[in-house]
Protein backbone atom coordinates (compact mmCIF):
# COMPACT_ATOMS: atom_id res chain seq x y z
CA MET A 1 18.52 -18.11 45.45
CA GLU A 2 16.88 -15.70 42.97
CA LYS A 3 17.15 -16.79 39.29
CA GLU A 4 19.07 -14.29 37.15
CA ILE A 5 17.16 -12.74 34.28
CA PRO A 6 18.67 -13.06 30.88
CA ILE A 7 19.48 -9.59 29.45
CA MET A 8 18.06 -8.73 26.10
CA ASN A 9 19.82 -6.92 23.31
CA ILE A 10 17.50 -4.27 21.66
CA LEU A 11 17.94 -1.64 19.08
CA TYR A 12 16.33 1.65 19.82
CA ILE A 13 15.73 3.98 16.93
CA GLY A 14 14.92 7.59 17.86
CA LYS A 15 16.05 10.78 19.43
CA ASP A 16 14.52 10.74 22.72
CA GLN A 17 17.41 9.88 24.96
CA SER A 18 15.15 9.64 28.04
CA VAL A 19 13.42 6.54 26.69
CA ALA A 20 16.77 4.88 25.86
CA ASP A 21 17.98 5.52 29.29
CA LEU A 22 14.75 4.10 30.73
CA PHE A 23 15.45 0.89 28.93
CA ARG A 24 19.04 0.91 30.03
CA SER A 25 18.41 1.53 33.77
CA SER A 26 15.69 -1.11 34.05
CA GLY A 27 18.23 -3.98 34.04
CA TYR A 28 16.48 -6.02 31.44
CA PHE A 29 18.11 -4.65 28.29
CA ASN A 30 21.42 -3.75 26.50
CA VAL A 31 20.44 -0.88 24.34
CA THR A 32 22.06 0.15 20.99
CA VAL A 33 20.75 3.56 19.92
CA MET A 34 20.49 4.83 16.36
CA GLY A 35 19.23 8.33 15.48
CA ASN A 36 17.43 7.44 12.35
CA PRO A 37 16.45 4.33 10.23
CA LEU A 38 19.21 4.89 7.62
CA ALA A 39 21.89 4.62 10.29
CA ALA A 40 19.92 1.71 11.75
CA ILE A 41 19.85 -0.16 8.46
CA TYR A 42 23.61 0.37 7.86
CA TRP A 43 24.30 -1.07 11.28
CA LEU A 44 21.91 -4.02 10.93
CA THR A 45 23.16 -4.99 7.45
CA ASP A 46 26.40 -3.19 6.69
CA ASN A 47 25.21 -2.59 3.23
CA GLN A 48 25.84 1.11 2.74
CA PHE A 49 22.17 2.05 2.38
CA LYS A 50 21.69 -0.06 -0.69
CA ILE A 51 18.60 -1.55 0.77
CA PHE A 52 16.91 1.77 0.09
CA ASP A 53 17.33 1.50 -3.76
CA LEU A 54 14.06 1.96 -5.44
CA ASP A 55 14.88 0.02 -8.52
CA LYS A 56 12.00 -2.40 -8.54
CA ASP A 57 13.33 -4.63 -11.31
CA THR A 58 16.57 -5.56 -9.41
CA ARG A 59 15.84 -5.30 -5.64
CA PHE A 60 14.54 -8.90 -5.45
CA ASP A 61 17.71 -10.35 -6.80
CA ILE A 62 19.90 -8.67 -4.11
CA LYS A 63 20.37 -10.78 -0.89
CA TYR A 64 21.06 -8.80 2.28
CA GLU A 65 22.53 -10.44 5.38
CA GLU A 66 21.61 -9.86 9.01
CA LYS A 67 24.77 -8.70 10.67
CA GLN A 68 23.62 -8.14 14.26
CA SER A 69 22.08 -10.42 16.74
CA ILE A 70 19.21 -8.51 18.49
CA ASP A 71 16.11 -9.54 20.47
CA ALA A 72 13.88 -6.60 19.45
CA ILE A 73 13.70 -3.41 17.35
CA ILE A 74 11.95 -0.51 18.98
CA CYS A 75 11.44 2.45 16.83
CA GLU A 76 9.97 6.11 17.30
CA LEU A 77 7.01 6.78 14.86
CA LEU A 78 8.21 10.05 13.63
CA LEU A 79 11.83 10.26 12.62
CA PRO A 80 13.94 12.36 10.16
CA GLY A 81 14.09 10.82 6.62
CA ILE A 82 11.62 7.99 6.68
CA ASN A 83 9.19 7.12 9.47
CA ALA A 84 8.79 3.88 11.37
CA PHE A 85 6.21 2.49 9.05
CA SER A 86 8.42 2.98 5.97
CA PHE A 87 11.32 1.41 7.72
CA PHE A 88 9.31 -1.46 8.70
CA ARG A 89 8.03 -2.07 5.05
CA ARG A 90 11.59 -1.90 3.76
CA LEU A 91 12.75 -4.66 6.32
CA LYS A 92 9.85 -6.91 5.30
CA LEU A 93 10.32 -6.35 1.54
CA ASN A 94 13.79 -7.46 1.81
CA LYS A 95 12.93 -10.31 4.23
CA LEU A 96 15.11 -8.99 7.03
CA TYR A 97 14.79 -9.51 10.67
CA GLN A 98 11.41 -11.15 10.13
CA LYS A 99 11.63 -13.17 13.41
CA THR A 100 12.67 -10.17 15.33
CA PRO A 101 9.78 -8.31 17.25
CA PHE A 102 9.28 -4.89 15.93
CA MET A 103 7.72 -2.11 18.16
CA VAL A 104 6.68 1.41 17.50
CA ILE A 105 6.55 4.29 20.01
CA SER A 106 4.48 7.42 19.55
CA PHE A 107 4.77 10.42 21.77
CA PHE A 108 1.22 11.57 21.16
CA MET A 109 -2.16 9.85 21.12
CA ASP A 110 -2.65 8.90 17.39
CA TYR A 111 -5.16 6.09 17.01
CA ASN A 112 -5.12 6.19 13.19
CA SER A 113 -1.37 5.49 13.25
CA LYS A 114 -1.92 2.77 15.84
CA LYS A 115 -4.54 1.19 13.45
CA ASN A 116 -2.12 1.47 10.50
CA ALA A 117 0.70 -0.05 12.53
CA TYR A 118 -1.25 -3.27 13.28
CA SER A 119 -2.65 -3.41 9.68
CA LEU A 120 1.01 -3.43 8.51
CA GLY A 121 1.86 -6.37 10.74
CA ILE A 122 3.93 -4.41 13.39
CA ASP A 123 3.94 -6.32 16.62
CA ASP A 124 3.27 -3.58 19.10
CA PHE A 125 2.36 0.13 19.23
CA TYR A 126 2.92 2.20 22.35
CA HIS A 127 2.36 5.74 23.63
CA LYS A 128 4.79 7.35 26.00
CA GLY A 129 4.59 5.95 29.49
CA LEU A 130 6.50 2.72 28.94
CA ASN A 131 7.06 -0.09 31.44
CA PRO A 132 10.30 -1.91 30.68
CA GLU A 133 9.33 -4.99 32.57
CA ASN A 134 6.06 -5.36 30.51
CA ILE A 135 7.93 -4.77 27.33
CA TYR A 136 10.59 -7.38 28.28
CA ASN A 137 7.88 -10.05 28.94
CA ARG A 138 6.11 -9.13 25.76
CA ILE A 139 9.28 -9.46 23.74
CA LYS A 140 10.00 -12.77 25.29
CA LEU A 141 6.41 -14.02 24.26
CA LEU A 142 6.78 -12.54 20.59
CA LYS A 143 10.12 -14.38 20.17
CA LYS A 144 8.72 -17.70 21.25
CA PHE A 145 5.66 -17.22 18.95
CA LYS A 146 7.90 -16.15 15.99
CA SER A 147 10.33 -18.95 16.34
CA GLU A 148 7.63 -21.58 16.58
CA PHE A 149 5.03 -20.15 14.14
CA GLU A 150 7.04 -18.22 11.52
CA ASN A 151 9.95 -20.66 11.23
CA LYS A 152 8.01 -22.98 8.86
CA THR A 153 6.62 -20.09 6.82
CA ILE A 154 9.96 -18.34 6.36
CA SER A 155 11.79 -21.54 5.41
CA VAL A 156 9.24 -22.07 2.69
CA ASP A 157 9.35 -18.50 1.47
CA THR A 158 13.03 -18.16 1.27
CA ASN A 159 13.28 -21.12 -1.18
CA VAL A 160 11.02 -19.19 -3.58
CA SER A 161 12.87 -16.70 -5.66
CA PHE A 162 11.11 -13.76 -7.16
CA ASN A 163 10.83 -14.59 -10.85
CA ALA A 164 9.74 -11.63 -13.06
CA TYR A 165 6.36 -12.33 -14.81
CA LYS A 166 6.66 -12.66 -18.70
CA THR A 167 3.44 -12.49 -20.61
CA PRO A 168 3.09 -15.76 -22.62
CA ILE A 169 3.21 -15.09 -26.52
CA ILE A 170 -0.38 -16.62 -26.86
CA LYS A 171 -1.62 -14.19 -24.26
CA ARG A 172 0.13 -11.19 -25.74
CA THR A 173 -0.97 -11.97 -29.28
CA PHE A 174 -4.60 -12.31 -28.09
CA ASP A 175 -4.38 -8.99 -26.11
CA ILE A 176 -3.08 -7.10 -29.22
CA LEU A 177 -5.76 -8.53 -31.56
CA LEU A 178 -8.69 -8.07 -29.21
CA ALA A 179 -7.61 -4.56 -28.01
CA ALA A 180 -7.12 -3.41 -31.63
CA THR A 181 -10.39 -4.89 -32.75
CA ALA A 182 -12.29 -3.46 -29.78
CA LEU A 183 -10.79 0.06 -30.23
CA LEU A 184 -11.80 0.00 -33.96
CA VAL A 185 -15.31 -1.40 -33.25
CA LEU A 186 -15.88 0.92 -30.28
CA SER A 187 -14.34 4.14 -31.62
CA PRO A 188 -17.73 5.57 -32.51
CA LEU A 189 -18.97 4.93 -28.86
CA MET A 190 -15.68 6.41 -27.55
CA LEU A 191 -16.02 9.48 -29.68
CA LEU A 192 -19.55 10.02 -28.53
CA THR A 193 -18.44 9.56 -25.03
CA MET A 194 -15.75 12.22 -25.39
CA ILE A 195 -18.24 14.67 -26.91
CA ALA A 196 -20.82 14.08 -24.11
CA ILE A 197 -18.08 14.67 -21.38
CA ARG A 198 -16.90 17.83 -23.09
CA LEU A 199 -20.50 19.12 -23.55
CA GLU A 200 -21.48 18.55 -19.85
CA SER A 201 -18.33 20.07 -18.35
CA LYS A 202 -15.32 21.74 -19.57
CA GLY A 203 -11.80 20.21 -19.23
CA LYS A 204 -9.99 17.15 -20.44
CA VAL A 205 -12.13 14.20 -21.39
CA TYR A 206 -9.74 11.75 -19.97
CA TYR A 207 -7.25 11.46 -16.97
CA PHE A 208 -4.54 9.28 -16.00
CA SER A 209 -3.00 8.23 -12.79
CA LYS A 210 0.10 6.30 -11.85
CA ARG A 211 -0.53 2.55 -11.14
CA VAL A 212 1.61 -0.47 -10.36
CA GLY A 213 1.23 -3.48 -12.50
CA SER A 214 3.04 -6.88 -12.89
CA ASN A 215 6.68 -7.03 -11.45
CA TYR A 216 5.91 -3.71 -9.75
CA LYS A 217 6.25 -1.74 -12.97
CA ILE A 218 4.71 1.78 -12.85
CA PHE A 219 2.82 3.16 -15.69
CA ASP A 220 0.14 5.74 -16.70
CA PHE A 221 -3.37 4.40 -16.25
CA TYR A 222 -5.95 5.80 -18.60
CA LYS A 223 -9.75 6.40 -18.09
CA PHE A 224 -12.40 8.71 -19.25
CA ARG A 225 -13.10 11.40 -16.82
CA SER A 226 -16.22 10.80 -14.77
CA MET A 227 -16.03 13.68 -12.30
CA TYR A 228 -16.23 17.50 -12.65
CA PRO A 229 -12.72 19.08 -13.24
CA ASP A 230 -12.74 20.78 -9.84
CA ALA A 231 -13.67 17.62 -7.98
CA ASP A 232 -10.63 17.95 -5.73
CA LYS A 233 -11.62 21.42 -4.75
CA ARG A 234 -14.98 20.45 -3.84
CA LEU A 235 -14.29 17.91 -1.12
CA LYS A 236 -15.78 20.33 1.56
CA GLU A 237 -19.10 19.88 -0.18
CA VAL A 238 -19.23 16.05 0.29
CA GLU A 239 -17.66 16.09 3.81
CA HIS A 240 -20.96 15.33 5.48
CA LEU A 241 -21.42 12.15 3.28
CA ASN A 242 -18.11 10.74 4.48
CA GLN A 243 -18.72 7.42 6.23
CA TYR A 244 -15.14 6.49 6.94
CA ILE A 245 -13.60 9.37 8.96
CA GLY A 246 -14.35 9.26 12.54
CA GLU A 247 -12.51 12.60 13.42
CA THR A 248 -12.09 16.05 12.12
CA VAL A 249 -9.01 16.37 10.02
CA GLU A 250 -6.64 19.04 11.40
CA VAL A 251 -5.83 22.04 9.16
CA THR A 252 -2.78 22.94 11.22
CA CYS A 253 -0.75 20.47 13.29
CA ALA A 254 -1.49 20.62 16.91
CA GLU A 255 1.78 18.75 17.70
CA CYS A 256 3.90 21.26 15.77
CA ALA A 257 2.09 23.96 17.58
CA LYS A 258 3.65 22.73 20.89
CA LEU A 259 7.15 22.98 19.51
CA PRO A 260 9.34 26.18 19.24
CA GLU A 261 9.07 28.09 15.95
CA GLY A 262 10.86 26.34 13.02
CA GLN A 263 10.69 22.95 14.72
CA TYR A 264 8.27 20.25 13.50
CA CYS A 265 7.00 17.03 14.82
CA SER A 266 7.82 15.12 11.59
CA PRO A 267 9.70 15.74 8.58
CA LEU A 268 8.34 18.46 6.05
CA VAL A 269 6.84 17.08 2.87
CA TYR A 270 4.97 18.67 -0.03
CA TYR A 271 1.34 17.48 -0.40
CA ASP A 272 -1.12 19.19 -2.89
CA GLY A 273 1.54 21.93 -3.58
CA GLU A 274 1.81 22.89 0.06
CA GLN A 275 4.58 22.27 2.60
CA MET A 276 3.51 20.64 5.78
CA CYS A 277 4.66 18.24 8.38
CA GLU A 278 4.30 14.50 7.40
CA ARG A 279 1.72 13.82 10.27
CA ILE A 280 -0.89 16.34 8.68
CA ALA A 281 -0.07 15.18 5.14
CA ASN A 282 -0.82 11.57 6.07
CA LYS A 283 -4.05 12.53 7.82
CA GLN A 284 -5.14 14.57 4.73
CA ARG A 285 -4.11 11.76 2.42
CA SER A 286 -6.13 9.28 4.44
CA ALA A 287 -9.20 11.64 4.41
CA ARG A 288 -8.97 12.03 0.55
CA LYS A 289 -8.72 8.29 0.20
CA ALA A 290 -11.93 7.86 2.04
CA PHE A 291 -13.76 10.70 0.23
CA LEU A 292 -12.96 8.90 -3.05
CA LYS A 293 -15.03 6.03 -1.79
CA ILE A 294 -18.29 8.01 -1.20
CA LYS A 295 -21.28 6.36 -2.60
CA ASP A 296 -23.46 8.61 -4.86
CA ASP A 297 -20.79 11.29 -4.85
CA PRO A 298 -22.24 14.62 -6.15
CA ARG A 299 -18.94 15.44 -7.90
CA ILE A 300 -19.65 12.68 -10.41
CA THR A 301 -21.21 14.12 -13.48
CA LYS A 302 -24.40 12.59 -15.18
CA VAL A 303 -22.40 11.31 -17.98
CA GLY A 304 -19.86 9.96 -15.56
CA ARG A 305 -22.49 7.90 -13.68
CA ILE A 306 -23.58 6.19 -16.94
CA ILE A 307 -20.01 5.50 -18.03
CA ARG A 308 -19.15 4.10 -14.58
CA MET A 309 -22.25 1.90 -14.49
CA THR A 310 -21.46 0.50 -17.94
CA SER A 311 -17.74 0.44 -17.47
CA ILE A 312 -17.37 2.64 -20.62
CA ASP A 313 -14.96 4.78 -18.49
CA GLU A 314 -12.52 1.81 -18.61
CA LEU A 315 -12.32 1.72 -22.39
CA PRO A 316 -9.14 3.85 -22.72
CA GLN A 317 -7.29 1.10 -20.96
CA LEU A 318 -7.41 -0.74 -24.23
CA ILE A 319 -4.50 1.68 -25.24
CA ASN A 320 -2.66 0.39 -22.04
CA VAL A 321 -3.27 -3.07 -23.37
CA LEU A 322 -1.70 -2.23 -26.77
CA LYS A 323 1.27 -0.57 -25.13
CA GLY A 324 1.86 -3.66 -23.16
CA ASN A 325 1.34 -2.13 -19.61
CA MET A 326 -1.77 -4.32 -19.19
CA SER A 327 -3.60 -7.36 -20.60
CA ILE A 328 -7.26 -7.98 -21.26
CA VAL A 329 -7.39 -10.37 -18.12
CA GLY A 330 -5.21 -10.06 -15.09
CA ASN A 331 -5.05 -8.49 -11.59
CA ARG A 332 -6.19 -4.91 -11.54
CA PRO A 333 -3.24 -2.42 -11.23
CA LEU A 334 -3.07 -0.72 -7.82
CA PRO A 335 -2.46 3.00 -6.88
CA LEU A 336 1.15 3.56 -5.66
CA ASN A 337 0.10 3.86 -1.88
CA GLU A 338 -1.76 0.68 -2.05
CA ALA A 339 0.95 -1.12 -3.84
CA GLU A 340 3.58 0.07 -1.38
CA ALA A 341 1.61 -1.33 1.55
CA LEU A 342 1.47 -4.75 0.05
CA THR A 343 4.96 -5.92 1.24
CA LYS A 344 3.64 -9.07 2.99
CA LYS A 345 4.78 -12.18 1.25
CA LYS A 346 1.29 -13.59 1.08
CA TRP A 347 -0.12 -10.48 -0.81
CA SER A 348 2.85 -9.61 -3.03
CA ARG A 349 2.41 -12.75 -4.98
CA ARG A 350 -0.40 -10.89 -6.87
CA PHE A 351 2.21 -8.96 -8.69
CA ARG A 352 3.46 -12.13 -10.40
CA ALA A 353 0.71 -11.85 -13.03
CA ALA A 354 -0.43 -9.48 -15.69
CA ALA A 355 -2.25 -6.25 -14.83
CA GLY A 356 -5.75 -6.46 -16.38
CA LEU A 357 -8.95 -4.80 -17.61
CA THR A 358 -10.85 -7.46 -15.81
CA GLY A 359 -10.05 -10.23 -13.52
CA LEU A 360 -11.08 -13.03 -11.24
CA TRP A 361 -12.08 -10.79 -8.18
CA GLN A 362 -14.21 -8.60 -10.39
CA VAL A 363 -16.30 -11.33 -11.91
CA GLU A 364 -16.67 -12.95 -8.41
CA LYS A 365 -17.93 -9.70 -6.89
CA ARG A 366 -20.39 -9.28 -9.80
CA GLY A 367 -21.81 -12.69 -8.87
CA ARG A 368 -22.26 -11.98 -5.31
CA SER A 369 -25.06 -10.02 -3.35
CA GLY A 370 -22.80 -8.91 -0.64
CA PRO A 371 -19.52 -6.98 -0.54
CA ILE A 372 -16.06 -8.55 -0.92
CA SER A 373 -13.49 -7.93 1.66
CA GLU A 374 -10.01 -6.67 0.76
CA GLU A 375 -8.56 -9.95 2.12
CA GLU A 376 -10.90 -11.92 -0.30
CA ARG A 377 -9.87 -9.62 -3.10
CA PHE A 378 -6.10 -10.16 -2.63
CA ALA A 379 -6.52 -13.88 -2.06
CA LEU A 380 -8.41 -14.13 -5.49
CA ASP A 381 -5.54 -12.12 -6.98
CA ASN A 382 -2.95 -14.56 -5.60
CA TYR A 383 -5.04 -17.44 -6.85
CA TYR A 384 -5.16 -16.00 -10.36
CA ALA A 385 -1.42 -15.39 -10.27
CA GLU A 386 -0.78 -19.00 -9.41
CA HIS A 387 -3.41 -20.72 -11.62
CA ASN A 388 -4.09 -18.50 -14.55
CA SER A 389 -4.24 -20.08 -18.09
CA PHE A 390 -5.32 -18.92 -21.54
CA TRP A 391 -8.58 -20.83 -21.45
CA GLY A 392 -9.22 -19.61 -18.00
CA ASP A 393 -8.92 -16.09 -19.26
CA ILE A 394 -11.47 -16.71 -21.92
CA ILE A 395 -13.89 -17.82 -19.37
CA ILE A 396 -13.38 -14.72 -17.25
CA ILE A 397 -13.94 -12.59 -20.37
CA PHE A 398 -17.27 -14.29 -21.01
CA ARG A 399 -18.22 -13.92 -17.36
CA THR A 400 -17.34 -10.24 -17.54
CA PHE A 401 -19.58 -9.59 -20.63
CA GLY A 402 -22.48 -11.32 -18.91
CA ALA A 403 -22.38 -8.86 -16.06
CA ILE A 404 -21.11 -5.57 -17.59
CA PHE A 405 -24.27 -3.73 -16.75
CA GLN A 406 -24.46 -3.46 -13.14
CA LYS A 407 -25.67 -1.16 -10.38
CA GLU A 408 -22.33 -0.56 -8.68
CA ASN A 409 -19.01 -0.12 -10.30
CA VAL A 410 -16.35 -2.52 -9.26
């Protein structure tokens, strides 16, 4: 007698009814369909969308409950409102359905998105042309793995509450005294730097960008300008130097071109002052991120090369220290997009320490002949967050001074 196959309950998030019907008709699944992630999160937690509250100071204090028993979540990549990646990050950030396999389906070949999916920790990424039996077996394997491997990890993590970082009084006092003294002593050098920047090229002598520091606090991060004012407009000039992009970035979306006029493959967003579909915006954003890492970038001014090599461009961050956004020693504050990606528990611990001018991974890199990987960098950040001390900070400061003149900026 043939053994009966247990039916799995899956949540399908998307608009393609043919895919949902494929899973239903296979005989392997009971399928619940939600048209978008907002509806899905309401169904999963019955929390009236509060999970999408962006108050970074309070969201860790709110405990959400898993209201549904499901075997897997299968989500289309491009959806109205937020895409599958943002939905996945939000689940993980709130520690929801961590043992539930999460799979993404894309209806066009997009290898960059596939790479991004696996880097985020998504279990599987499929293109259209699905085999329900294979997916059934894959879910069964993933459930077994997650129940055996992740159970211990999750039980430990859930006992650790997110305690907001508070700068110790001795550290804050030291920061104020050192930053104020440094600004006073270095003011002639900073004034000369400002004059040199202004003489070489017109425009502001400084720039600021949004960064994420301790406790996920967002602040304005100050630096001296080291590039020409029109650097963003000169990306085409350095395109041939780009070592990171393996494909030509589309100017217009090939997927949108296949759709009727007025319809788009993904939600419309604004990027660089222009309205475009989210797919193209993400590609251009990835391209720009790679351009910014070009070695010997010709958009850097002569003065800019000097102040980068000597870390003089970092001196305006002493103002950040006085304002309390940063400390002299800590983990480097991250750009918003990088901070948003660090939702895995093992990396998010780095935000339980002060944001700093210099830190452990910077001095470790300066003492090495080879490059430091991103995983090593965040591991050092976590180590600092868990083992920092006042005297340890003093040692890092002396190590920083000993290696401040370097060939490559870190």
